[in-house]
């Protein structure tokens, strides 16, 4: 039964990540404090990778205390290679919904938007 739930969660997560990944997504890893569940570690996919921007997120946390997996969705803010987020997730082991607050590292876009184009050599 647990394998079926995990497989279903992986399938849903993969189907949601595919469209997000096409839009210059950001990827991160961090820690989350889950209210009523304790500390968790996890990975996130963000709707964008631009610094100083609010984003949506899709993630998967591992709850350290109970050993349960928690797929989640949320909103966050990307700074310079860091993120902060609020998430709502479903505990696959206990079958309950929970809220969490997290932070971690993210690979943000570091291109300088003020760069000038190289000079063209006329022929």
PDB file of N, CA and C in Angstrom:
ATOM      1  N   UNK A   1       0.825  -1.196   0.000  1.00  0.00           N
ATOM      2  CA  UNK A   1       0.000   0.000   0.000  1.00  0.00           C
ATOM      3  C   UNK A   1       0.868   1.257   0.000  1.00  0.00           C
ATOM      4  N   UNK A   2       1.935   1.245   0.813  1.00  0.00           N
ATOM      5  CA  UNK A   2       2.819   2.407   0.885  1.00  0.00           C
ATOM      6  C   UNK A   2       3.495   2.658  -0.456  1.00  0.00           C
ATOM      7  N   UNK A   3       3.907   1.591  -1.140  1.00  0.00           N
ATOM      8  CA  UNK A   3       4.571   1.726  -2.435  1.00  0.00           C
ATOM      9  C   UNK A   3       3.613   2.335  -3.456  1.00  0.00           C
ATOM     10  N   UNK A   4       2.345   1.950  -3.417  1.00  0.00           N
ATOM     11  CA  UNK A   4       1.358   2.525  -4.340  1.00  0.00           C
ATOM     12  C   UNK A   4       1.181   4.015  -4.087  1.00  0.00           C
ATOM     13  N   UNK A   5       1.126   4.418  -2.816  1.00  0.00           N
ATOM     14  CA  UNK A   5       0.988   5.843  -2.480  1.00  0.00           C
ATOM     15  C   UNK A   5       2.217   6.630  -2.929  1.00  0.00           C
ATOM     16  N   UNK A   6       3.398   6.058  -2.680  1.00  0.00           N
ATOM     17  CA  UNK A   6       4.636   6.732  -3.071  1.00  0.00           C
ATOM     18  C   UNK A   6       4.723   6.847  -4.584  1.00  0.00           C
ATOM     19  N   UNK A   7       4.329   5.796  -5.298  1.00  0.00           N
ATOM     20  CA  UNK A   7       4.334   5.822  -6.760  1.00  0.00           C
ATOM     21  C   UNK A   7       3.356   6.867  -7.287  1.00  0.00           C
ATOM     22  N   UNK A   8       2.178   6.946  -6.693  1.00  0.00           N
ATOM     23  CA  UNK A   8       1.189   7.932  -7.106  1.00  0.00           C
ATOM     24  C   UNK A   8       1.706   9.348  -6.851  1.00  0.00           C
ATOM     25  N   UNK A   9       2.321   9.570  -5.700  1.00  0.00           N
ATOM     26  CA  UNK A   9       2.879  10.883  -5.379  1.00  0.00           C
ATOM     27  C   UNK A   9       3.996  11.254  -6.356  1.00  0.00           C
ATOM     28  N   UNK A  10       4.830  10.291  -6.700  1.00  0.00           N
ATOM     29  CA  UNK A  10       5.917  10.548  -7.654  1.00  0.00           C
ATOM     30  C   UNK A  10       5.359  10.874  -9.031  1.00  0.00           C
ATOM     31  N   UNK A  11       4.319  10.183  -9.452  1.00  0.00           N
ATOM     32  CA  UNK A  11       3.700  10.435 -10.746  1.00  0.00           C
ATOM     33  C   UNK A  11       3.074  11.828 -10.801  1.00  0.00           C
ATOM     34  N   UNK A  12       2.348  12.197  -9.757  1.00  0.00           N
ATOM     35  CA  UNK A  12       1.733  13.522  -9.702  1.00  0.00           C
ATOM     36  C   UNK A  12       2.806  14.606  -9.686  1.00  0.00           C
ATOM     37  N   UNK A  13       3.845  14.413  -8.889  1.00  0.00           N
ATOM     38  CA  UNK A  13       4.930  15.384  -8.815  1.00  0.00           C
ATOM     39  C   UNK A  13       5.614  15.540 -10.163  1.00  0.00           C
ATOM     40  N   UNK A  14       5.909  14.438 -10.831  1.00  0.00           N
ATOM     41  CA  UNK A  14       6.569  14.499 -12.137  1.00  0.00           C
ATOM     42  C   UNK A  14       5.707  15.201 -13.174  1.00  0.00           C
ATOM     43  N   UNK A  15       4.395  14.959 -13.150  1.00  0.00           N
ATOM     44  CA  UNK A  15       3.522  15.599 -14.123  1.00  0.00           C
ATOM     45  C   UNK A  15       3.391  17.095 -13.876  1.00  0.00           C
ATOM     46  N   UNK A  16       3.521  17.525 -12.627  1.00  0.00           N
ATOM     47  CA  UNK A  16       3.450  18.950 -12.322  1.00  0.00           C
ATOM     48  C   UNK A  16       4.781  19.637 -12.567  1.00  0.00           C
ATOM     49  N   UNK A  17       5.885  18.935 -12.382  1.00  0.00           N
ATOM     50  CA  UNK A  17       7.210  19.533 -12.545  1.00  0.00           C
ATOM     51  C   UNK A  17       7.537  19.755 -14.009  1.00  0.00           C
ATOM     52  N   UNK A  18       7.078  18.902 -14.899  1.00  0.00           N
ATOM     53  CA  UNK A  18       7.423  19.008 -16.320  1.00  0.00           C
ATOM     54  C   UNK A  18       7.088  20.380 -16.911  1.00  0.00           C
ATOM     55  N   UNK A  19       5.875  20.929 -16.732  1.00  0.00           N
ATOM     56  CA  UNK A  19       5.610  22.259 -17.283  1.00  0.00           C
ATOM     57  C   UNK A  19       6.427  23.350 -16.593  1.00  0.00           C
ATOM     58  N   UNK A  20       6.657  23.213 -15.297  1.00  0.00           N
ATOM     59  CA  UNK A  20       7.433  24.217 -14.580  1.00  0.00           C
ATOM     60  C   UNK A  20       8.872  24.220 -15.059  1.00  0.00           C
ATOM     61  N   UNK A  21       9.434  23.043 -15.311  1.00  0.00           N
ATOM     62  CA  UNK A  21      10.828  22.933 -15.701  1.00  0.00           C
ATOM     63  C   UNK A  21      11.101  23.584 -17.050  1.00  0.00           C
ATOM     64  N   UNK A  22      10.086  23.762 -17.875  1.00  0.00           N
ATOM     65  CA  UNK A  22      10.267  24.390 -19.173  1.00  0.00           C
ATOM     66  C   UNK A  22      10.344  25.908 -19.071  1.00  0.00           C
ATOM     67  N   UNK A  23      10.022  26.488 -17.947  1.00  0.00           N
ATOM     68  CA  UNK A  23       9.928  27.936 -17.805  1.00  0.00           C
ATOM     69  C   UNK A  23      11.099  28.513 -17.019  1.00  0.00           C
ATOM     70  N   UNK A  24      12.309  28.012 -17.252  1.00  0.00           N
ATOM     71  CA  UNK A  24      13.498  28.514 -16.577  1.00  0.00           C
ATOM     72  C   UNK A  24      13.330  28.426 -15.061  1.00  0.00           C
ATOM     73  N   UNK A  25      13.084  27.237 -14.598  1.00  0.00           N
ATOM     74  CA  UNK A  25      12.786  26.979 -13.192  1.00  0.00           C
ATOM     75  C   UNK A  25      14.039  27.079 -12.321  1.00  0.00           C
ATOM     76  N   UNK A  26      13.803  27.315 -11.041  1.00  0.00           N
ATOM     77  CA  UNK A  26      14.880  27.288 -10.056  1.00  0.00           C
ATOM     78  C   UNK A  26      14.777  26.012  -9.231  1.00  0.00           C
ATOM     79  N   UNK A  27      15.911  25.471  -8.839  1.00  0.00           N
ATOM     80  CA  UNK A  27      15.955  24.250  -8.050  1.00  0.00           C
ATOM     81  C   UNK A  27      16.674  24.531  -6.745  1.00  0.00           C
ATOM     82  N   UNK A  28      16.137  24.008  -5.636  1.00  0.00           N
ATOM     83  CA  UNK A  28      16.738  24.267  -4.339  1.00  0.00           C
ATOM     84  C   UNK A  28      16.617  23.097  -3.389  1.00  0.00           C
ATOM     85  N   UNK A  29      17.353  23.203  -2.286  1.00  0.00           N
ATOM     86  CA  UNK A  29      17.306  22.212  -1.216  1.00  0.00           C
ATOM     87  C   UNK A  29      17.413  22.959   0.105  1.00  0.00           C
ATOM     88  N   UNK A  30      16.696  22.463   1.122  1.00  0.00           N
ATOM     89  CA  UNK A  30      16.732  23.164   2.391  1.00  0.00           C
ATOM     90  C   UNK A  30      16.043  22.417   3.507  1.00  0.00           C
ATOM     91  N   UNK A  31      15.735  23.166   4.555  1.00  0.00           N
ATOM     92  CA  UNK A  31      15.065  22.617   5.732  1.00  0.00           C
ATOM     93  C   UNK A  31      13.713  23.310   5.900  1.00  0.00           C
ATOM     94  N   UNK A  32      12.761  22.579   6.477  1.00  0.00           N
ATOM     95  CA  UNK A  32      11.422  23.101   6.717  1.00  0.00           C
ATOM     96  C   UNK A  32      10.999  22.726   8.125  1.00  0.00           C
ATOM     97  N   UNK A  33      10.389  23.671   8.832  1.00  0.00           N
ATOM     98  CA  UNK A  33       9.750  23.333  10.091  1.00  0.00           C
ATOM     99  C   UNK A  33       8.276  23.106   9.792  1.00  0.00           C
ATOM    100  N   UNK A  34       7.817  21.875   9.983  1.00  0.00           N
ATOM    101  CA  UNK A  34       6.429  21.502   9.717  1.00  0.00           C
ATOM    102  C   UNK A  34       5.669  21.580  11.034  1.00  0.00           C
ATOM    103  N   UNK A  35       4.641  22.423  11.079  1.00  0.00           N
ATOM    104  CA  UNK A  35       3.850  22.579  12.298  1.00  0.00           C
ATOM    105  C   UNK A  35       3.116  21.274  12.599  1.00  0.00           C
ATOM    106  N   UNK A  36       3.369  20.709  13.763  1.00  0.00           N
ATOM    107  CA  UNK A  36       2.787  19.440  14.146  1.00  0.00           C
ATOM    108  C   UNK A  36       3.577  18.230  13.668  1.00  0.00           C
ATOM    109  N   UNK A  37       4.678  18.451  12.967  1.00  0.00           N
ATOM    110  CA  UNK A  37       5.461  17.337  12.442  1.00  0.00           C
ATOM    111  C   UNK A  37       6.952  17.446  12.689  1.00  0.00           C
ATOM    112  N   UNK A  38       7.416  18.619  13.104  1.00  0.00           N
ATOM    113  CA  UNK A  38       8.838  18.803  13.390  1.00  0.00           C
ATOM    114  C   UNK A  38       9.647  19.190  12.163  1.00  0.00           C
ATOM    115  N   UNK A  39      10.934  18.904  12.218  1.00  0.00           N
ATOM    116  CA  UNK A  39      11.870  19.320  11.172  1.00  0.00           C
ATOM    117  C   UNK A  39      11.884  18.353   9.999  1.00  0.00           C
ATOM    118  N   UNK A  40      12.112  18.915   8.813  1.00  0.00           N
ATOM    119  CA  UNK A  40      12.181  18.123   7.590  1.00  0.00           C
ATOM    120  C   UNK A  40      13.280  18.674   6.693  1.00  0.00           C
ATOM    121  N   UNK A  41      13.826  17.827   5.862  1.00  0.00           N
ATOM    122  CA  UNK A  41      14.765  18.240   4.813  1.00  0.00           C
ATOM    123  C   UNK A  41      14.112  17.911   3.486  1.00  0.00           C
ATOM    124  N   UNK A  42      14.412  18.715   2.461  1.00  0.00           N
ATOM    125  CA  UNK A  42      13.746  18.449   1.197  1.00  0.00           C
ATOM    126  C   UNK A  42      14.309  19.202   0.025  1.00  0.00           C
ATOM    127  N   UNK A  43      13.692  18.964  -1.113  1.00  0.00           N
ATOM    128  CA  UNK A  43      14.063  19.617  -2.370  1.00  0.00           C
ATOM    129  C   UNK A  43      12.838  20.353  -2.908  1.00  0.00           C
ATOM    130  N   UNK A  44      13.110  21.409  -3.695  1.00  0.00           N
ATOM    131  CA  UNK A  44      12.031  22.237  -4.242  1.00  0.00           C
ATOM    132  C   UNK A  44      12.325  22.571  -5.695  1.00  0.00           C
ATOM    133  N   UNK A  45      11.255  22.765  -6.452  1.00  0.00           N
ATOM    134  CA  UNK A  45      11.321  23.324  -7.799  1.00  0.00           C
ATOM    135  C   UNK A  45      10.506  24.602  -7.753  1.00  0.00           C
ATOM    136  N   UNK A  46      11.110  25.706  -8.206  1.00  0.00           N
ATOM    137  CA  UNK A  46      10.454  27.009  -8.182  1.00  0.00           C
ATOM    138  C   UNK A  46      10.030  27.419  -9.584  1.00  0.00           C
ATOM    139  N   UNK A  47       8.994  28.239  -9.683  1.00  0.00           N
ATOM    140  CA  UNK A  47       8.457  28.646 -10.978  1.00  0.00           C
ATOM    141  C   UNK A  47       9.389  29.563 -11.758  1.00  0.00           C
ATOM    142  N   UNK A  48      10.400  30.111 -11.124  1.00  0.00           N
ATOM    143  CA  UNK A  48      11.356  30.987 -11.800  1.00  0.00           C
ATOM    144  C   UNK A  48      12.689  30.896 -11.071  1.00  0.00           C
ATOM    145  N   UNK A  49      13.746  31.414 -11.693  1.00  0.00           N
ATOM    146  CA  UNK A  49      15.049  31.397 -11.033  1.00  0.00           C
ATOM    147  C   UNK A  49      15.638  32.798 -10.899  1.00  0.00           C
ATOM    148  N   UNK A  50      14.808  33.817 -11.039  1.00  0.00           N
ATOM    149  CA  UNK A  50      15.262  35.205 -10.916  1.00  0.00           C
ATOM    150  C   UNK A  50      15.381  35.603  -9.449  1.00  0.00           C
ATOM    151  N   UNK A  51      16.451  36.329  -9.117  1.00  0.00           N
ATOM    152  CA  UNK A  51      16.646  36.818  -7.747  1.00  0.00           C
ATOM    153  C   UNK A  51      15.646  37.921  -7.428  1.00  0.00           C
ATOM    154  N   UNK A  52      15.372  38.097  -6.140  1.00  0.00           N
ATOM    155  CA  UNK A  52      14.486  39.149  -5.643  1.00  0.00           C
ATOM    156  C   UNK A  52      13.100  39.073  -6.284  1.00  0.00           C
ATOM    157  N   UNK A  53      12.525  37.875  -6.256  1.00  0.00           N
ATOM    158  CA  UNK A  53      11.232  37.671  -6.891  1.00  0.00           C
ATOM    159  C   UNK A  53      10.393  36.674  -6.095  1.00  0.00           C
ATOM    160  N   UNK A  54       9.081  36.913  -6.042  1.00  0.00           N
ATOM    161  CA  UNK A  54       8.156  35.953  -5.428  1.00  0.00           C
ATOM    162  C   UNK A  54       7.888  34.838  -6.432  1.00  0.00           C
ATOM    163  N   UNK A  55       7.809  33.602  -5.940  1.00  0.00           N
ATOM    164  CA  UNK A  55       7.652  32.439  -6.814  1.00  0.00           C
ATOM    165  C   UNK A  55       6.698  31.426  -6.194  1.00  0.00           C
ATOM    166  N   UNK A  56       6.223  30.496  -7.000  1.00  0.00           N
ATOM    167  CA  UNK A  56       5.497  29.332  -6.529  1.00  0.00           C
ATOM    168  C   UNK A  56       6.480  28.178  -6.389  1.00  0.00           C
ATOM    169  N   UNK A  57       6.135  27.171  -5.603  1.00  0.00           N
ATOM    170  CA  UNK A  57       7.060  26.046  -5.427  1.00  0.00           C
ATOM    171  C   UNK A  57       6.313  24.721  -5.376  1.00  0.00           C
ATOM    172  N   UNK A  58       7.041  23.683  -5.747  1.00  0.00           N
ATOM    173  CA  UNK A  58       6.585  22.306  -5.652  1.00  0.00           C
ATOM    174  C   UNK A  58       7.734  21.534  -5.032  1.00  0.00           C
ATOM    175  N   UNK A  59       7.477  20.805  -3.947  1.00  0.00           N
ATOM    176  CA  UNK A  59       8.580  20.162  -3.248  1.00  0.00           C
ATOM    177  C   UNK A  59       8.260  18.799  -2.687  1.00  0.00           C
ATOM    178  N   UNK A  60       9.293  18.182  -2.151  1.00  0.00           N
ATOM    179  CA  UNK A  60       9.176  16.901  -1.475  1.00  0.00           C
ATOM    180  C   UNK A  60      10.077  16.941  -0.253  1.00  0.00           C
ATOM    181  N   UNK A  61       9.472  16.789   0.928  1.00  0.00           N
ATOM    182  CA  UNK A  61      10.199  16.820   2.203  1.00  0.00           C
ATOM    183  C   UNK A  61      10.246  15.436   2.824  1.00  0.00           C
ATOM    184  N   UNK A  62      11.305  15.194   3.596  1.00  0.00           N
ATOM    185  CA  UNK A  62      11.424  13.992   4.413  1.00  0.00           C
ATOM    186  C   UNK A  62      11.374  14.431   5.866  1.00  0.00           C
ATOM    187  N   UNK A  63      10.333  14.028   6.595  1.00  0.00           N
ATOM    188  CA  UNK A  63      10.179  14.395   8.002  1.00  0.00           C
ATOM    189  C   UNK A  63      11.124  13.539   8.845  1.00  0.00           C
ATOM    190  N   UNK A  64      12.079  14.192   9.486  1.00  0.00           N
ATOM    191  CA  UNK A  64      13.136  13.488  10.210  1.00  0.00           C
ATOM    192  C   UNK A  64      12.584  12.684  11.379  1.00  0.00           C
ATOM    193  N   UNK A  65      11.687  13.252  12.158  1.00  0.00           N
ATOM    194  CA  UNK A  65      11.171  12.579  13.353  1.00  0.00           C
ATOM    195  C   UNK A  65      10.349  11.337  13.076  1.00  0.00           C
ATOM    196  N   UNK A  66       9.512  11.381  12.033  1.00  0.00           N
ATOM    197  CA  UNK A  66       8.615  10.255  11.768  1.00  0.00           C
ATOM    198  C   UNK A  66       9.053   9.391  10.598  1.00  0.00           C
ATOM    199  N   UNK A  67       9.991   9.876   9.791  1.00  0.00           N
ATOM    200  CA  UNK A  67      10.424   9.119   8.619  1.00  0.00           C
ATOM    201  C   UNK A  67       9.423   9.137   7.481  1.00  0.00           C
ATOM    202  N   UNK A  68       8.498  10.091   7.496  1.00  0.00           N
ATOM    203  CA  UNK A  68       7.448  10.169   6.476  1.00  0.00           C
ATOM    204  C   UNK A  68       7.855  11.121   5.350  1.00  0.00           C
ATOM    205  N   UNK A  69       7.277  10.899   4.183  1.00  0.00           N
ATOM    206  CA  UNK A  69       7.465  11.796   3.038  1.00  0.00           C
ATOM    207  C   UNK A  69       6.295  12.768   2.982  1.00  0.00           C
ATOM    208  N   UNK A  70       6.592  14.008   2.539  1.00  0.00           N
ATOM    209  CA  UNK A  70       5.581  15.069   2.512  1.00  0.00           C
ATOM    210  C   UNK A  70       5.693  15.865   1.206  1.00  0.00           C
ATOM    211  N   UNK A  71       4.956  15.480   0.146  1.00  0.00           N
ATOM    212  CA  UNK A  71       4.916  16.333  -1.039  1.00  0.00           C
ATOM    213  C   UNK A  71       4.189  17.628  -0.677  1.00  0.00           C
ATOM    214  N   UNK A  72       4.632  18.755  -1.265  1.00  0.00           N
ATOM    215  CA  UNK A  72       4.038  20.029  -0.882  1.00  0.00           C
ATOM    216  C   UNK A  72       4.050  21.034  -2.012  1.00  0.00           C
ATOM    217  N   UNK A  73       3.196  22.038  -1.883  1.00  0.00           N
ATOM    218  CA  UNK A  73       3.151  23.198  -2.768  1.00  0.00           C
ATOM    219  C   UNK A  73       3.232  24.431  -1.887  1.00  0.00           C
ATOM    220  N   UNK A  74       3.736  25.517  -2.467  1.00  0.00           N
ATOM    221  CA  UNK A  74       3.850  26.704  -1.645  1.00  0.00           C
ATOM    222  C   UNK A  74       4.178  27.952  -2.427  1.00  0.00           C
ATOM    223  N   UNK A  75       4.437  29.004  -1.684  1.00  0.00           N
ATOM    224  CA  UNK A  75       4.889  30.277  -2.237  1.00  0.00           C
ATOM    225  C   UNK A  75       6.172  30.649  -1.506  1.00  0.00           C
ATOM    226  N   UNK A  76       7.039  31.340  -2.223  1.00  0.00           N
ATOM    227  CA  UNK A  76       8.304  31.699  -1.610  1.00  0.00           C
ATOM    228  C   UNK A  76       8.886  32.960  -2.203  1.00  0.00           C
ATOM    229  N   UNK A  77      10.063  33.308  -1.696  1.00  0.00           N
ATOM    230  CA  UNK A  77      10.796  34.468  -2.180  1.00  0.00           C
ATOM    231  C   UNK A  77      12.234  34.037  -2.421  1.00  0.00           C
ATOM    232  N   UNK A  78      12.760  34.360  -3.603  1.00  0.00           N
ATOM    233  CA  UNK A  78      14.139  34.025  -3.931  1.00  0.00           C
ATOM    234  C   UNK A  78      15.042  35.231  -3.717  1.00  0.00           C
ATOM    235  N   UNK A  79      16.082  35.039  -2.928  1.00  0.00           N
ATOM    236  CA  UNK A  79      17.109  36.051  -2.764  1.00  0.00           C
ATOM    237  C   UNK A  79      18.319  35.663  -3.598  1.00  0.00           C
ATOM    238  N   UNK A  80      19.487  36.112  -3.194  1.00  0.00           N
ATOM    239  CA  UNK A  80      20.718  35.772  -3.912  1.00  0.00           C
ATOM    240  C   UNK A  80      21.180  34.384  -3.475  1.00  0.00           C
ATOM    241  N   UNK A  81      20.753  33.375  -4.222  1.00  0.00           N
ATOM    242  CA  UNK A  81      21.060  31.960  -3.980  1.00  0.00           C
ATOM    243  C   UNK A  81      20.489  31.414  -2.671  1.00  0.00           C
ATOM    244  N   UNK A  82      19.449  32.066  -2.127  1.00  0.00           N
ATOM    245  CA  UNK A  82      18.736  31.552  -0.955  1.00  0.00           C
ATOM    246  C   UNK A  82      17.231  31.704  -1.192  1.00  0.00           C
ATOM    247  N   UNK A  83      16.446  30.935  -0.451  1.00  0.00           N
ATOM    248  CA  UNK A  83      14.999  31.083  -0.543  1.00  0.00           C
ATOM    249  C   UNK A  83      14.368  30.965   0.836  1.00  0.00           C
ATOM    250  N   UNK A  84      13.177  31.516   0.938  1.00  0.00           N
ATOM    251  CA  UNK A  84      12.311  31.340   2.089  1.00  0.00           C
ATOM    252  C   UNK A  84      10.934  31.000   1.548  1.00  0.00           C
ATOM    253  N   UNK A  85      10.217  30.071   2.200  1.00  0.00           N
ATOM    254  CA  UNK A  85       8.909  29.708   1.658  1.00  0.00           C
ATOM    255  C   UNK A  85       7.935  29.274   2.733  1.00  0.00           C
ATOM    256  N   UNK A  86       6.661  29.323   2.376  1.00  0.00           N
ATOM    257  CA  UNK A  86       5.559  28.793   3.172  1.00  0.00           C
ATOM    258  C   UNK A  86       4.934  27.694   2.329  1.00  0.00           C
ATOM    259  N   UNK A  87       4.681  26.531   2.943  1.00  0.00           N
ATOM    260  CA  UNK A  87       4.174  25.412   2.156  1.00  0.00           C
ATOM    261  C   UNK A  87       3.019  24.705   2.859  1.00  0.00           C
ATOM    262  N   UNK A  88       2.202  24.047   2.043  1.00  0.00           N
ATOM    263  CA  UNK A  88       1.148  23.154   2.519  1.00  0.00           C
ATOM    264  C   UNK A  88       1.447  21.793   1.921  1.00  0.00           C
ATOM    265  N   UNK A  89       1.462  20.759   2.769  1.00  0.00           N
ATOM    266  CA  UNK A  89       1.824  19.444   2.277  1.00  0.00           C
ATOM    267  C   UNK A  89       0.981  18.342   2.872  1.00  0.00           C
ATOM    268  N   UNK A  90       1.099  17.176   2.255  1.00  0.00           N
ATOM    269  CA  UNK A  90       0.339  16.002   2.674  1.00  0.00           C
ATOM    270  C   UNK A  90       1.308  14.944   3.184  1.00  0.00           C
ATOM    271  N   UNK A  91       1.155  14.539   4.441  1.00  0.00           N
ATOM    272  CA  UNK A  91       2.000  13.513   5.040  1.00  0.00           C
ATOM    273  C   UNK A  91       1.537  12.155   4.522  1.00  0.00           C
ATOM    274  N   UNK A  92       2.371  11.513   3.704  1.00  0.00           N
ATOM    275  CA  UNK A  92       1.983  10.240   3.101  1.00  0.00           C
ATOM    276  C   UNK A  92       1.872   9.111   4.113  1.00  0.00           C
ATOM    277  N   UNK A  93       2.612   9.203   5.199  1.00  0.00           N
ATOM    278  CA  UNK A  93       2.582   8.149   6.210  1.00  0.00           C
ATOM    279  C   UNK A  93       1.355   8.269   7.117  1.00  0.00           C
ATOM    280  N   UNK A  94       1.081   9.502   7.564  1.00  0.00           N
ATOM    281  CA  UNK A  94      -0.030   9.708   8.492  1.00  0.00           C
ATOM    282  C   UNK A  94      -1.339  10.082   7.833  1.00  0.00           C
ATOM    283  N   UNK A  95      -1.294  10.464   6.544  1.00  0.00           N
ATOM    284  CA  UNK A  95      -2.507  10.839   5.845  1.00  0.00           C
ATOM    285  C   UNK A  95      -3.101  12.150   6.294  1.00  0.00           C
ATOM    286  N   UNK A  96      -2.256  13.102   6.740  1.00  0.00           N
ATOM    287  CA  UNK A  96      -2.749  14.387   7.231  1.00  0.00           C
ATOM    288  C   UNK A  96      -2.114  15.535   6.452  1.00  0.00           C
ATOM    289  N   UNK A  97      -2.806  16.662   6.398  1.00  0.00           N
ATOM    290  CA  UNK A  97      -2.279  17.882   5.792  1.00  0.00           C
ATOM    291  C   UNK A  97      -1.561  18.695   6.854  1.00  0.00           C
ATOM    292  N   UNK A  98      -0.523  19.419   6.438  1.00  0.00           N
ATOM    293  CA  UNK A  98       0.224  20.254   7.382  1.00  0.00           C
ATOM    294  C   UNK A  98       0.785  21.477   6.667  1.00  0.00           C
ATOM    295  N   UNK A  99       1.149  22.460   7.471  1.00  0.00           N
ATOM    296  CA  UNK A  99       1.765  23.677   6.954  1.00  0.00           C
ATOM    297  C   UNK A  99       3.196  23.759   7.467  1.00  0.00           C
ATOM    298  N   UNK A 100       4.049  24.412   6.682  1.00  0.00           N
ATOM    299  CA  UNK A 100       5.438  24.534   7.087  1.00  0.00           C
ATOM    300  C   UNK A 100       6.051  25.835   6.618  1.00  0.00           C
ATOM    301  N   UNK A 101       7.171  26.183   7.229  1.00  0.00           N
ATOM    302  CA  UNK A 101       7.953  27.345   6.838  1.00  0.00           C
ATOM    303  C   UNK A 101       9.393  26.868   6.660  1.00  0.00           C
ATOM    304  N   UNK A 102      10.013  27.259   5.549  1.00  0.00           N
ATOM    305  CA  UNK A 102      11.331  26.728   5.256  1.00  0.00           C
ATOM    306  C   UNK A 102      12.278  27.745   4.656  1.00  0.00           C
ATOM    307  N   UNK A 103      13.542  27.330   4.567  1.00  0.00           N
ATOM    308  CA  UNK A 103      14.598  28.143   3.970  1.00  0.00           C
ATOM    309  C   UNK A 103      15.676  27.212   3.447  1.00  0.00           C
ATOM    310  N   UNK A 104      16.444  27.704   2.475  1.00  0.00           N
ATOM    311  CA  UNK A 104      17.519  26.882   1.944  1.00  0.00           C
ATOM    312  C   UNK A 104      18.268  27.567   0.826  1.00  0.00           C
ATOM    313  N   UNK A 105      19.031  26.771   0.107  1.00  0.00           N
ATOM    314  CA  UNK A 105      19.848  27.258  -1.001  1.00  0.00           C
ATOM    315  C   UNK A 105      19.126  26.987  -2.313  1.00  0.00           C
ATOM    316  N   UNK A 106      19.285  27.891  -3.264  1.00  0.00           N
ATOM    317  CA  UNK A 106      18.664  27.756  -4.584  1.00  0.00           C
ATOM    318  C   UNK A 106      19.636  28.289  -5.631  1.00  0.00           C
ATOM    319  N   UNK A 107      19.588  27.706  -6.808  1.00  0.00           N
ATOM    320  CA  UNK A 107      20.435  28.149  -7.908  1.00  0.00           C
ATOM    321  C   UNK A 107      19.697  29.234  -8.681  1.00  0.00           C
ATOM    322  N   UNK A 108      19.944  30.494  -8.320  1.00  0.00           N
ATOM    323  CA  UNK A 108      19.268  31.606  -8.987  1.00  0.00           C
ATOM    324  C   UNK A 108      20.065  32.064 -10.198  1.00  0.00           C
ATOM    325  N   UNK A 109      19.386  32.763 -11.087  1.00  0.00           N
ATOM    326  CA  UNK A 109      19.992  33.308 -12.297  1.00  0.00           C
ATOM    327  C   UNK A 109      20.921  34.444 -11.909  1.00  0.00           C
ATOM    328  N   UNK A 110      22.178  34.312 -12.264  1.00  0.00           N
ATOM    329  CA  UNK A 110      23.160  35.332 -11.887  1.00  0.00           C
ATOM    330  C   UNK A 110      23.597  36.182 -13.059  1.00  0.00           C
ATOM    331  N   UNK A 111      22.864  36.130 -14.167  1.00  0.00           N
ATOM    332  CA  UNK A 111      23.202  36.961 -15.307  1.00  0.00           C
ATOM    333  C   UNK A 111      22.898  38.410 -14.978  1.00  0.00           C
ATOM    334  N   UNK A 112      23.770  39.290 -15.412  1.00  0.00           N
ATOM    335  CA  UNK A 112      23.572  40.718 -15.207  1.00  0.00           C
ATOM    336  C   UNK A 112      22.692  41.249 -16.324  1.00  0.00           C
ATOM    337  N   UNK A 113      21.516  41.766 -15.973  1.00  0.00           N
ATOM    338  CA  UNK A 113      20.589  42.277 -16.984  1.00  0.00           C
ATOM    339  C   UNK A 113      21.078  43.568 -17.624  1.00  0.00           C
ATOM    340  N   UNK A 114      22.080  44.236 -17.030  1.00  0.00           N
ATOM    341  CA  UNK A 114      22.577  45.501 -17.550  1.00  0.00           C
ATOM    342  C   UNK A 114      23.739  45.321 -18.516  1.00  0.00           C
ATOM    343  N   UNK A 115      24.072  44.100 -18.876  1.00  0.00           N
ATOM    344  CA  UNK A 115      25.175  43.871 -19.793  1.00  0.00           C
ATOM    345  C   UNK A 115      24.847  44.487 -21.140  1.00  0.00           C
ATOM    346  N   UNK A 116      25.854  45.042 -21.777  1.00  0.00           N
ATOM    347  CA  UNK A 116      25.662  45.606 -23.100  1.00  0.00           C
ATOM    348  C   UNK A 116      26.048  44.567 -24.134  1.00  0.00           C
ATOM    349  N   UNK A 117      25.434  44.685 -25.282  1.00  0.00           N
ATOM    350  CA  UNK A 117      25.733  43.749 -26.371  1.00  0.00           C
ATOM    351  C   UNK A 117      27.127  44.035 -26.900  1.00  0.00           C
ATOM    352  N   UNK A 118      27.829  43.016 -27.352  1.00  0.00           N
ATOM    353  CA  UNK A 118      29.163  43.239 -27.925  1.00  0.00           C
ATOM    354  C   UNK A 118      29.057  44.068 -29.195  1.00  0.00           C
ATOM    355  N   UNK A 119      30.095  44.857 -29.441  1.00  0.00           N
ATOM    356  CA  UNK A 119      30.124  45.677 -30.656  1.00  0.00           C
ATOM    357  C   UNK A 119      30.195  44.785 -31.879  1.00  0.00           C
ATOM    358  N   UNK A 120      29.419  45.150 -32.886  1.00  0.00           N
ATOM    359  CA  UNK A 120      29.405  44.394 -34.132  1.00  0.00           C
ATOM    360  C   UNK A 120      30.414  45.005 -35.083  1.00  0.00           C
ATOM    361  N   UNK A 121      31.112  44.160 -35.778  1.00  0.00           N
ATOM    362  CA  UNK A 121      32.087  44.617 -36.770  1.00  0.00           C
ATOM    363  C   UNK A 121      31.372  44.693 -38.110  1.00  0.00           C
ATOM    364  N   UNK A 122      31.338  45.901 -38.705  1.00  0.00           N
ATOM    365  CA  UNK A 122      30.653  46.030 -39.998  1.00  0.00           C
ATOM    366  C   UNK A 122      31.470  45.362 -41.107  1.00  0.00           C
ATOM    367  N   UNK A 123      30.790  44.819 -42.098  1.00  0.00           N
ATOM    368  CA  UNK A 123      31.468  44.189 -43.231  1.00  0.00           C
ATOM    369  C   UNK A 123      31.490  45.117 -44.396  1.00  0.00           C
TER     370      UNK A 123
END
